[in-house]
């Protein structure tokens, strides 16, 4: 069977270190056709309509780990075949989209899907506030501010965003982050920055908050530089991606195409 996803969720502003800080999640409009099939032999086969490099191979690996858990616990002697017919260069978003669509195809309701996916994410080491928020935003088809344990704040305002590039990082590079007070300062600064942007969005919308967005970009690029040593980028902001990758999101109408 073929299903179509119409959105890719992106954590536009999020803390560069693990925390339960609020995450501003937006949706990129993209049509992603996905073929899903149950095959006779056990196992998982992933096919993606793009050239395979280390970034795509990283996505395939995470998808296989998630889907193999389904095969081992639900399908028993059968297996899964998944083909992504249109690639979008944000692996974490595609991970959310594909795994959600497979669970939907297997008959899970939205509530059951959230519970089951979170259980599998945790089992394969993927559960975190960003992943939980991206899945919630994708299933509810809305931009939102998400924090674990709280009801998300849904945003009706359109935020023009696109993914421009990605970089691989080995680990958190700053020894300063081992100091609890410094790590706490980064968490607080990024959390308050998200809340200030959201307050403006709720009262005025994106067009009247663009200058605040660009100031927030400077803050988050600086924080990602502190955490990972990645040089601040022009006309973009670093966002968390899958595994050891960060992506670069471009914000503004000029980014849409």
Protein backbone atom coordinates (compact mmCIF):
# COMPACT_ATOMS: atom_id res chain seq x y z
CA UNK A 1 0.00 0.00 0.00
CA UNK A 2 1.09 3.60 -0.57
CA UNK A 3 0.53 6.35 1.99
CA UNK A 4 1.41 10.01 1.69
CA UNK A 5 2.79 12.28 4.37
CA UNK A 6 2.26 15.99 3.73
CA UNK A 7 4.47 17.49 6.42
CA UNK A 8 7.95 17.15 7.88
CA UNK A 9 8.27 18.30 11.53
CA UNK A 10 11.35 20.36 12.49
CA UNK A 11 12.49 21.44 16.00
CA UNK A 12 13.26 25.02 14.98
CA UNK A 13 14.52 26.23 18.36
CA UNK A 14 15.66 23.62 20.87
CA UNK A 15 18.26 23.32 23.61
CA UNK A 16 21.58 21.89 22.33
CA UNK A 17 22.00 19.67 25.41
CA UNK A 18 19.57 17.13 26.83
CA UNK A 19 16.85 18.72 28.95
CA UNK A 20 13.07 18.99 29.20
CA UNK A 21 13.11 22.53 27.87
CA UNK A 22 10.29 23.75 25.61
CA UNK A 23 10.86 23.10 21.90
CA UNK A 24 9.41 25.26 19.11
CA UNK A 25 8.31 22.83 16.40
CA UNK A 26 7.25 23.88 12.94
CA UNK A 27 6.07 21.91 9.91
CA UNK A 28 7.53 22.00 6.40
CA UNK A 29 4.98 21.24 3.70
CA UNK A 30 6.30 18.35 1.59
CA UNK A 31 4.56 15.43 -0.08
CA UNK A 32 6.36 12.21 0.87
CA UNK A 33 4.87 9.07 -0.75
CA UNK A 34 5.76 5.93 1.22
CA UNK A 35 5.17 2.34 0.12
CA UNK A 36 4.58 -0.08 2.99
CA UNK A 37 4.29 -3.82 2.58
CA UNK A 38 4.30 -6.96 4.69
CA UNK A 39 6.53 -9.63 3.16
CA UNK A 40 6.66 -13.37 3.76
CA UNK A 41 10.19 -13.54 5.09
CA UNK A 42 11.10 -11.90 8.39
CA UNK A 43 13.29 -8.84 8.59
CA UNK A 44 13.17 -5.25 7.41
CA UNK A 45 13.97 -3.84 3.98
CA UNK A 46 14.30 -0.05 3.56
CA UNK A 47 14.52 1.54 0.12
CA UNK A 48 14.97 5.31 -0.32
CA UNK A 49 14.73 7.15 -3.63
CA UNK A 50 18.00 9.06 -3.27
CA UNK A 51 21.73 8.44 -3.46
CA UNK A 52 23.06 6.64 -0.41
CA UNK A 53 25.70 8.39 1.69
CA UNK A 54 26.59 8.26 5.39
CA UNK A 55 23.72 10.65 6.26
CA UNK A 56 21.09 8.53 4.48
CA UNK A 57 22.68 5.32 5.76
CA UNK A 58 22.34 6.70 9.30
CA UNK A 59 18.59 7.20 8.71
CA UNK A 60 18.22 3.68 7.30
CA UNK A 61 19.93 2.25 10.38
CA UNK A 62 17.57 3.98 12.81
CA UNK A 63 14.50 3.03 10.75
CA UNK A 64 15.58 -0.61 10.69
CA UNK A 65 16.05 -0.67 14.48
CA UNK A 66 12.57 0.77 15.04
CA UNK A 67 10.82 -1.42 12.47
CA UNK A 68 12.65 -4.60 13.50
CA UNK A 69 11.15 -4.15 16.97
CA UNK A 70 7.70 -4.24 15.34
CA UNK A 71 8.59 -7.28 13.25
CA UNK A 72 9.98 -9.19 16.24
CA UNK A 73 7.04 -8.43 18.53
CA UNK A 74 4.04 -8.16 16.21
CA UNK A 75 4.59 -9.73 12.79
CA UNK A 76 6.47 -12.83 14.00
CA UNK A 77 7.36 -14.79 10.81
CA UNK A 78 6.60 -11.92 8.40
CA UNK A 79 8.71 -8.88 7.60
CA UNK A 80 8.35 -5.26 6.50
CA UNK A 81 9.24 -3.54 3.24
CA UNK A 82 9.30 0.27 3.20
CA UNK A 83 10.16 2.49 0.25
CA UNK A 84 10.41 6.27 0.62
CA UNK A 85 9.67 7.63 -2.85
CA UNK A 86 10.55 11.27 -2.19
CA UNK A 87 13.52 12.25 -0.02
CA UNK A 88 13.64 15.35 2.18
CA UNK A 89 17.06 16.20 3.68
CA UNK A 90 16.09 16.10 7.33
CA UNK A 91 16.63 12.58 8.67
CA UNK A 92 15.04 13.01 12.10
CA UNK A 93 11.85 14.36 10.51
CA UNK A 94 11.75 11.45 8.07
CA UNK A 95 12.30 9.01 10.93
CA UNK A 96 9.20 10.44 12.66
CA UNK A 97 7.15 10.45 9.45
CA UNK A 98 7.99 6.92 8.30
CA UNK A 99 7.68 5.20 11.68
CA UNK A 100 4.37 6.96 12.35
CA UNK A 101 2.97 6.01 8.93
CA UNK A 102 3.98 2.36 9.39
CA UNK A 103 2.21 2.20 12.77
CA UNK A 104 -0.87 3.85 11.23
CA UNK A 105 -0.82 1.28 8.41
CA UNK A 106 -0.81 -1.48 11.03
CA UNK A 107 -4.07 -0.08 12.42
CA UNK A 108 -2.97 1.90 15.48
CA UNK A 109 -5.03 4.88 16.60
CA UNK A 110 -3.27 8.19 17.33
CA UNK A 111 -3.30 7.61 21.10
CA UNK A 112 -2.00 4.04 20.79
CA UNK A 113 0.53 5.18 18.21
CA UNK A 114 2.03 7.76 20.57
CA UNK A 115 2.28 5.22 23.39
CA UNK A 116 3.75 2.43 21.24
CA UNK A 117 6.19 4.68 19.36
CA UNK A 118 7.48 6.21 22.59
CA UNK A 119 8.03 2.72 24.00
CA UNK A 120 10.01 1.68 20.90
CA UNK A 121 11.93 4.98 20.82
CA UNK A 122 12.96 4.37 24.41
CA UNK A 123 13.95 0.78 23.66
CA UNK A 124 16.31 1.84 20.84
CA UNK A 125 17.66 4.86 22.72
CA UNK A 126 15.73 7.54 20.83
CA UNK A 127 13.24 8.87 23.38
CA UNK A 128 13.76 12.54 24.27
CA UNK A 129 11.66 15.70 24.41
CA UNK A 130 12.51 16.59 20.79
CA UNK A 131 11.46 13.22 19.37
CA UNK A 132 8.29 13.17 21.48
CA UNK A 133 7.40 16.68 20.38
CA UNK A 134 8.08 16.06 16.68
CA UNK A 135 5.81 13.03 16.68
CA UNK A 136 3.03 14.90 18.47
CA UNK A 137 3.25 17.84 16.05
CA UNK A 138 3.26 15.52 13.02
CA UNK A 139 0.25 13.52 14.19
CA UNK A 140 -1.73 16.65 15.09
CA UNK A 141 -0.61 18.45 11.90
CA UNK A 142 0.19 21.68 13.70
CA UNK A 143 3.11 23.82 14.80
CA UNK A 144 3.49 23.83 18.55
CA UNK A 145 5.58 24.49 21.60
CA UNK A 146 6.19 21.13 23.25
CA UNK A 147 7.50 20.06 26.64
CA UNK A 148 7.20 16.60 28.16
CA UNK A 149 4.58 16.39 30.89
CA UNK A 150 2.68 19.49 29.74
CA UNK A 151 -0.08 20.10 27.22
CA UNK A 152 1.52 21.58 24.09
CA UNK A 153 0.76 25.14 23.01
CA UNK A 154 -0.57 24.95 19.47
CA UNK A 155 0.39 27.72 17.06
CA UNK A 156 -1.82 28.76 14.17
CA UNK A 157 0.84 31.04 12.70
CA UNK A 158 2.80 29.95 9.62
CA UNK A 159 6.60 29.94 10.01
CA UNK A 160 8.47 29.72 6.65
CA UNK A 161 11.29 27.20 7.18
CA UNK A 162 13.41 24.93 5.02
CA UNK A 163 16.40 22.66 5.66
CA UNK A 164 19.55 23.83 3.91
CA UNK A 165 22.34 21.46 4.93
CA UNK A 166 23.64 19.15 7.66
CA UNK A 167 26.89 18.56 9.54
CA UNK A 168 28.17 15.64 11.60
CA UNK A 169 29.52 16.15 15.11
CA UNK A 170 31.30 13.54 17.17
CA UNK A 171 30.20 14.57 20.65
CA UNK A 172 29.71 17.54 22.93
CA UNK A 173 33.10 19.17 22.67
CA UNK A 174 33.05 21.75 25.45
CA UNK A 175 34.52 20.58 28.75
CA UNK A 176 32.72 23.55 30.30
CA UNK A 177 29.44 21.64 29.86
CA UNK A 178 30.58 19.21 32.54
CA UNK A 179 30.18 22.05 35.03
CA UNK A 180 26.53 21.87 36.24
CA UNK A 181 26.14 25.64 36.67
CA UNK A 182 27.31 26.34 33.10
CA UNK A 183 25.13 23.57 31.66
CA UNK A 184 22.19 24.95 33.64
CA UNK A 185 22.84 28.45 32.28
CA UNK A 186 22.70 27.16 28.69
CA UNK A 187 19.46 25.32 29.41
CA UNK A 188 17.87 28.40 30.99
CA UNK A 189 19.00 30.79 28.24
CA UNK A 190 17.67 28.58 25.46
CA UNK A 191 14.40 27.92 27.31
CA UNK A 192 13.70 31.61 27.93
CA UNK A 193 14.62 32.41 24.31
CA UNK A 194 12.01 29.95 23.05
CA UNK A 195 9.36 31.43 25.34
CA UNK A 196 10.09 35.01 24.19
CA UNK A 197 9.74 33.99 20.54
CA UNK A 198 6.49 32.15 21.28
CA UNK A 199 5.01 35.13 23.15
CA UNK A 200 5.62 37.31 20.11
CA UNK A 201 4.19 34.69 17.74
CA UNK A 202 1.01 34.30 19.76
CA UNK A 203 0.38 38.04 19.94
CA UNK A 204 1.63 39.26 16.55
CA UNK A 205 2.44 36.43 14.12
CA UNK A 206 5.69 35.66 12.27
CA UNK A 207 5.79 38.70 9.96
CA UNK A 208 5.91 41.12 12.90
CA UNK A 209 8.33 38.96 14.89
CA UNK A 210 10.98 38.40 12.22
CA UNK A 211 13.57 40.62 13.94
CA UNK A 212 13.08 38.66 17.19
CA UNK A 213 13.53 35.42 15.24
CA UNK A 214 16.84 36.61 13.84
CA UNK A 215 18.01 37.56 17.32
CA UNK A 216 16.99 34.09 18.54
CA UNK A 217 19.00 32.58 15.68
CA UNK A 218 22.10 34.36 16.98
CA UNK A 219 21.48 33.01 20.48
CA UNK A 220 20.95 29.40 19.39
CA UNK A 221 23.87 29.38 16.96
CA UNK A 222 26.08 30.65 19.78
CA UNK A 223 24.82 27.92 22.11
CA UNK A 224 25.41 25.21 19.50
CA UNK A 225 28.90 26.62 18.98
CA UNK A 226 29.55 26.35 22.71
CA UNK A 227 28.17 22.80 22.88
CA UNK A 228 29.52 21.29 19.65
CA UNK A 229 32.15 23.65 18.26
CA UNK A 230 30.19 24.22 15.03
CA UNK A 231 30.78 27.64 13.47
CA UNK A 232 27.72 29.94 13.44
CA UNK A 233 26.09 30.00 10.01
CA UNK A 234 24.75 32.93 8.01
CA UNK A 235 21.00 32.96 7.32
CA UNK A 236 20.30 29.77 9.22
CA UNK A 237 20.11 28.12 12.63
CA UNK A 238 21.36 24.75 13.84
CA UNK A 239 18.69 22.18 14.75
CA UNK A 240 19.06 18.72 16.28
CA UNK A 241 19.05 15.88 13.78
CA UNK A 242 19.31 12.10 13.88
CA UNK A 243 22.23 10.43 15.62
CA UNK A 244 25.42 12.50 15.49
CA UNK A 245 24.10 15.05 12.98
CA UNK A 246 22.91 18.63 13.17
CA UNK A 247 20.97 20.26 10.37
CA UNK A 248 20.82 23.90 9.32
CA UNK A 249 17.34 25.43 9.00
CA UNK A 250 16.75 28.54 6.94
CA UNK A 251 13.97 30.85 8.17
CA UNK A 252 12.06 33.29 5.95
CA UNK A 253 10.06 33.36 2.71
CA UNK A 254 13.27 33.42 0.67
CA UNK A 255 14.03 29.92 1.97
CA UNK A 256 10.86 28.35 0.58
CA UNK A 257 11.09 26.78 -2.83
